[in-house]
């Protein structure tokens, strides 16, 4: 299915959790001079405008990043806040970067990026936005791209797996994919984002992942009210393999932030 477009959800509370942790991890990983590789399997278009009709219609950004910033809940020196500011200085005050653009803002010239997106319009937008950063952008199944690229060169690095979960088979596919990626790239940081749904559809996937006994695992979840009546997502999670140093502390800070909302 190729119907999902993230503009309706950009900047929501799930994005805040995912992007704050992503930037914190990359902020730590780029402290070392050694280059790294960043991969993303479901990249979206890379840049969104929160005053677009689609974003305004759902109101998810208003209850997400707008609320976080209005209440000053993240420190000014947070890598996520700093990356947001750099993007807005170029693209306007209502610009919101997706994870590939946030990652690019955290990376350095010596680092490499590989991004996949299947949706034709989303791919076109992604290719346009990310061309300035020298990213390798492909219109391809993201799982196939990750399998083809790993182990990457440089070997240090991270892959973000962030599907829409419109394809229900993803819940069954992901544990197998992560096991394969880890076997091929045992030093790679593997970060999986997943929605927490009222149906509990994510729970068997997590059980299968935890049964693999992967190294240095972090499972971080936050809860929040549904975006509207009948909306099934009531939280979001990140499952990380080979978790970078300091991520546990950042996760604890985010847990406290969400608890106070």
Protein backbone atom coordinates (compact mmCIF):
# COMPACT_ATOMS: atom_id res chain seq x y z
CA UNK A 1 0.00 0.00 0.00
CA UNK A 2 1.24 3.46 -0.91
CA UNK A 3 -1.49 5.66 0.55
CA UNK A 4 0.32 6.84 3.68
CA UNK A 5 1.55 10.44 3.73
CA UNK A 6 3.17 11.69 6.92
CA UNK A 7 2.15 15.34 6.41
CA UNK A 8 -1.09 14.55 8.27
CA UNK A 9 0.91 13.48 11.32
CA UNK A 10 4.15 15.48 11.10
CA UNK A 11 5.22 17.00 14.38
CA UNK A 12 2.86 14.92 16.51
CA UNK A 13 3.88 13.54 19.91
CA UNK A 14 5.11 10.30 18.36
CA UNK A 15 7.46 12.35 16.17
CA UNK A 16 8.68 14.26 19.21
CA UNK A 17 9.64 11.06 21.01
CA UNK A 18 11.23 9.46 17.94
CA UNK A 19 13.08 12.55 16.78
CA UNK A 20 14.36 13.59 20.21
CA UNK A 21 15.87 10.14 20.74
CA UNK A 22 17.22 9.95 17.18
CA UNK A 23 19.00 13.30 17.48
CA UNK A 24 20.33 12.43 20.92
CA UNK A 25 21.79 9.16 19.63
CA UNK A 26 23.36 10.77 16.58
CA UNK A 27 24.63 13.63 18.73
CA UNK A 28 26.56 11.13 20.82
CA UNK A 29 27.75 9.06 17.86
CA UNK A 30 29.15 12.10 16.04
CA UNK A 31 31.31 13.10 19.01
CA UNK A 32 33.93 10.67 17.73
CA UNK A 33 35.83 11.77 14.65
CA UNK A 34 35.35 8.42 12.90
CA UNK A 35 32.79 8.58 10.05
CA UNK A 36 29.51 6.71 10.20
CA UNK A 37 26.69 5.50 7.95
CA UNK A 38 23.02 6.35 8.46
CA UNK A 39 20.27 4.29 6.80
CA UNK A 40 16.53 4.85 6.81
CA UNK A 41 14.06 2.35 5.40
CA UNK A 42 10.85 4.43 5.17
CA UNK A 43 12.05 8.00 4.86
CA UNK A 44 8.96 9.97 3.77
CA UNK A 45 9.44 13.29 2.02
CA UNK A 46 11.93 14.70 4.53
CA UNK A 47 10.36 18.15 5.03
CA UNK A 48 6.86 19.25 5.98
CA UNK A 49 5.04 22.55 6.50
CA UNK A 50 2.88 22.53 9.61
CA UNK A 51 0.61 25.24 8.21
CA UNK A 52 -0.28 22.98 5.25
CA UNK A 53 -4.00 22.07 5.09
CA UNK A 54 -3.27 18.41 5.77
CA UNK A 55 -1.37 19.16 8.99
CA UNK A 56 -3.90 21.74 10.17
CA UNK A 57 -6.78 19.34 9.48
CA UNK A 58 -5.62 16.73 11.99
CA UNK A 59 -4.25 19.15 14.61
CA UNK A 60 -1.60 16.62 15.59
CA UNK A 61 1.29 19.09 15.36
CA UNK A 62 -0.62 21.59 17.52
CA UNK A 63 -0.91 18.93 20.22
CA UNK A 64 2.68 17.80 19.59
CA UNK A 65 5.74 19.90 18.80
CA UNK A 66 3.81 23.18 19.09
CA UNK A 67 2.79 22.29 22.66
CA UNK A 68 6.28 21.10 23.58
CA UNK A 69 7.86 24.31 22.32
CA UNK A 70 5.19 26.61 23.81
CA UNK A 71 5.85 25.11 27.25
CA UNK A 72 9.64 25.09 26.80
CA UNK A 73 9.84 21.41 27.70
CA UNK A 74 13.07 20.68 25.82
CA UNK A 75 16.35 22.51 26.58
CA UNK A 76 17.75 24.90 24.00
CA UNK A 77 20.96 22.88 23.69
CA UNK A 78 19.17 19.63 22.82
CA UNK A 79 20.36 18.35 19.40
CA UNK A 80 16.72 18.03 18.29
CA UNK A 81 15.94 21.64 19.18
CA UNK A 82 19.11 22.86 17.48
CA UNK A 83 18.39 20.86 14.31
CA UNK A 84 14.83 22.23 14.22
CA UNK A 85 16.18 25.77 14.45
CA UNK A 86 18.64 25.23 11.59
CA UNK A 87 15.92 23.80 9.34
CA UNK A 88 13.54 26.65 10.11
CA UNK A 89 16.20 29.26 9.40
CA UNK A 90 16.24 27.94 5.82
CA UNK A 91 12.66 26.75 5.24
CA UNK A 92 10.53 29.02 7.43
CA UNK A 93 9.07 29.12 10.91
CA UNK A 94 6.42 26.44 10.25
CA UNK A 95 8.81 23.97 8.65
CA UNK A 96 9.15 20.59 10.31
CA UNK A 97 11.93 18.17 9.32
CA UNK A 98 11.31 14.46 9.02
CA UNK A 99 13.86 12.06 10.42
CA UNK A 100 16.12 12.01 7.31
CA UNK A 101 16.52 15.78 7.37
CA UNK A 102 17.03 15.80 11.14
CA UNK A 103 19.67 13.10 10.72
CA UNK A 104 21.39 15.11 7.99
CA UNK A 105 21.50 18.13 10.30
CA UNK A 106 23.19 15.97 12.95
CA UNK A 107 25.69 14.31 10.61
CA UNK A 108 28.97 15.62 9.21
CA UNK A 109 30.47 15.81 5.70
CA UNK A 110 32.42 12.57 6.22
CA UNK A 111 29.26 10.59 7.04
CA UNK A 112 27.10 8.73 4.50
CA UNK A 113 23.31 8.48 4.18
CA UNK A 114 21.16 5.87 2.42
CA UNK A 115 17.42 6.60 2.28
CA UNK A 116 14.56 4.58 0.80
CA UNK A 117 10.97 5.60 0.03
CA UNK A 118 8.44 3.81 -2.21
CA UNK A 119 5.60 6.38 -2.47
CA UNK A 120 6.22 8.29 -5.75
CA UNK A 121 5.33 11.78 -4.53
CA UNK A 122 7.07 11.27 -1.19
CA UNK A 123 10.15 9.95 -2.98
CA UNK A 124 10.24 12.97 -5.29
CA UNK A 125 10.07 15.35 -2.33
CA UNK A 126 12.71 13.39 -0.44
CA UNK A 127 15.10 13.34 -3.39
CA UNK A 128 14.71 17.11 -3.81
CA UNK A 129 15.22 17.95 -0.15
CA UNK A 130 18.10 15.58 0.49
CA UNK A 131 20.10 16.22 -2.68
CA UNK A 132 21.83 19.11 -0.94
CA UNK A 133 23.27 16.66 1.61
CA UNK A 134 24.65 14.15 -0.87
CA UNK A 135 22.36 11.40 0.39
CA UNK A 136 21.85 8.21 -1.62
CA UNK A 137 18.07 8.28 -2.18
CA UNK A 138 16.31 5.33 -3.80
CA UNK A 139 12.70 4.53 -4.67
CA UNK A 140 12.85 1.01 -3.33
CA UNK A 141 11.47 -1.22 -0.63
CA UNK A 142 13.27 -0.07 2.49
CA UNK A 143 13.87 -3.53 3.90
CA UNK A 144 15.49 -4.58 0.61
CA UNK A 145 17.66 -1.45 0.59
CA UNK A 146 18.89 -2.10 4.12
CA UNK A 147 19.71 -5.70 3.29
CA UNK A 148 21.61 -4.64 0.18
CA UNK A 149 23.65 -1.91 1.87
CA UNK A 150 24.62 -3.75 5.06
CA UNK A 151 27.25 -4.11 6.22
CA UNK A 152 27.93 -0.56 5.08
CA UNK A 153 31.17 1.30 4.71
CA UNK A 154 31.87 2.96 7.12
CA UNK A 155 30.73 0.17 9.45
CA UNK A 156 29.92 2.49 12.34
CA UNK A 157 26.38 3.68 12.05
CA UNK A 158 22.65 3.37 12.49
CA UNK A 159 19.56 2.25 10.66
CA UNK A 160 16.14 3.69 11.47
CA UNK A 161 13.21 1.42 10.62
CA UNK A 162 10.04 3.49 10.63
CA UNK A 163 7.25 1.98 8.50
CA UNK A 164 3.68 3.24 8.48
CA UNK A 165 2.43 -0.24 9.49
CA UNK A 166 -0.30 0.09 6.87
CA UNK A 167 1.01 -3.24 5.61
CA UNK A 168 -0.02 -5.49 8.50
CA UNK A 169 2.59 -8.06 7.51
CA UNK A 170 5.24 -5.57 8.72
CA UNK A 171 4.63 -6.72 12.29
CA UNK A 172 5.68 -10.25 11.32
CA UNK A 173 8.42 -9.17 8.91
CA UNK A 174 10.31 -6.78 11.18
CA UNK A 175 11.71 -9.26 13.74
CA UNK A 176 13.11 -11.37 10.92
CA UNK A 177 14.59 -8.32 9.18
CA UNK A 178 16.22 -7.04 12.36
CA UNK A 179 17.71 -10.46 13.08
CA UNK A 180 19.17 -10.57 9.56
CA UNK A 181 20.55 -7.03 9.77
CA UNK A 182 22.16 -7.70 13.13
CA UNK A 183 23.82 -10.88 11.85
CA UNK A 184 25.27 -8.98 8.90
CA UNK A 185 26.08 -5.78 10.82
CA UNK A 186 26.66 -6.69 14.43
CA UNK A 187 28.09 -3.26 15.36
CA UNK A 188 25.21 -1.28 13.82
CA UNK A 189 22.68 0.58 15.91
CA UNK A 190 19.23 -0.64 14.85
CA UNK A 191 16.36 1.64 15.87
CA UNK A 192 12.76 0.57 15.30
CA UNK A 193 9.84 2.96 15.79
CA UNK A 194 6.40 1.46 16.39
CA UNK A 195 2.94 2.78 17.30
CA UNK A 196 1.23 1.71 20.50
CA UNK A 197 -2.29 0.81 19.43
CA UNK A 198 -5.40 0.02 21.41
CA UNK A 199 -5.50 -3.32 19.57
CA UNK A 200 -2.10 -4.35 20.95
CA UNK A 201 -0.94 -5.26 17.43
CA UNK A 202 2.63 -4.31 18.34
CA UNK A 203 2.93 -6.74 21.26
CA UNK A 204 3.66 -10.02 19.38
CA UNK A 205 6.32 -8.18 17.34
CA UNK A 206 8.04 -6.97 20.50
CA UNK A 207 7.84 -10.41 22.07
CA UNK A 208 9.53 -11.89 18.99
CA UNK A 209 12.26 -9.22 19.14
CA UNK A 210 12.91 -9.71 22.83
CA UNK A 211 13.14 -13.47 22.34
CA UNK A 212 16.18 -12.92 20.10
CA UNK A 213 18.26 -11.68 23.07
CA UNK A 214 19.81 -8.89 21.04
CA UNK A 215 22.62 -6.83 22.65
CA UNK A 216 22.27 -3.54 24.51
CA UNK A 217 18.52 -3.27 23.93
CA UNK A 218 16.48 -0.23 24.91
CA UNK A 219 12.69 -0.36 24.75
CA UNK A 220 11.26 3.07 25.38
CA UNK A 221 7.55 3.85 25.28
CA UNK A 222 5.46 6.94 25.94
CA UNK A 223 1.71 7.31 26.20
CA UNK A 224 -0.50 10.19 25.14
CA UNK A 225 -4.19 10.83 24.46
CA UNK A 226 -5.58 9.78 21.05
CA UNK A 227 -5.35 12.57 18.49
CA UNK A 228 -9.12 12.47 17.95
CA UNK A 229 -12.17 10.39 18.81
CA UNK A 230 -11.74 6.86 17.55
CA UNK A 231 -8.00 7.22 16.88
CA UNK A 232 -6.31 3.94 17.77
CA UNK A 233 -2.78 5.20 18.52
CA UNK A 234 -2.32 5.99 22.22
CA UNK A 235 1.46 6.06 22.40
CA UNK A 236 4.66 5.30 20.58
CA UNK A 237 7.79 3.28 21.15
CA UNK A 238 11.39 2.91 20.08
CA UNK A 239 13.20 -0.43 20.22
CA UNK A 240 16.96 0.03 19.90
CA UNK A 241 19.72 -2.55 19.46
CA UNK A 242 23.31 -1.61 20.35
CA UNK A 243 21.95 1.44 22.16
CA UNK A 244 24.47 4.31 22.22
CA UNK A 245 25.77 5.54 25.54
CA UNK A 246 23.56 8.12 27.24
CA UNK A 247 20.36 7.12 25.45
CA UNK A 248 18.89 5.64 28.63
CA UNK A 249 19.19 9.02 30.35
CA UNK A 250 17.59 10.80 27.41
CA UNK A 251 14.76 8.26 27.40
CA UNK A 252 14.18 8.84 31.12
CA UNK A 253 14.00 12.59 30.53
CA UNK A 254 11.45 12.09 27.76
CA UNK A 255 9.38 9.78 29.95
CA UNK A 256 9.21 12.51 32.60
CA UNK A 257 8.32 15.10 29.96
CA UNK A 258 5.44 13.04 28.58
CA UNK A 259 4.17 12.20 32.05
CA UNK A 260 3.89 15.91 32.78
CA UNK A 261 1.84 16.75 29.66
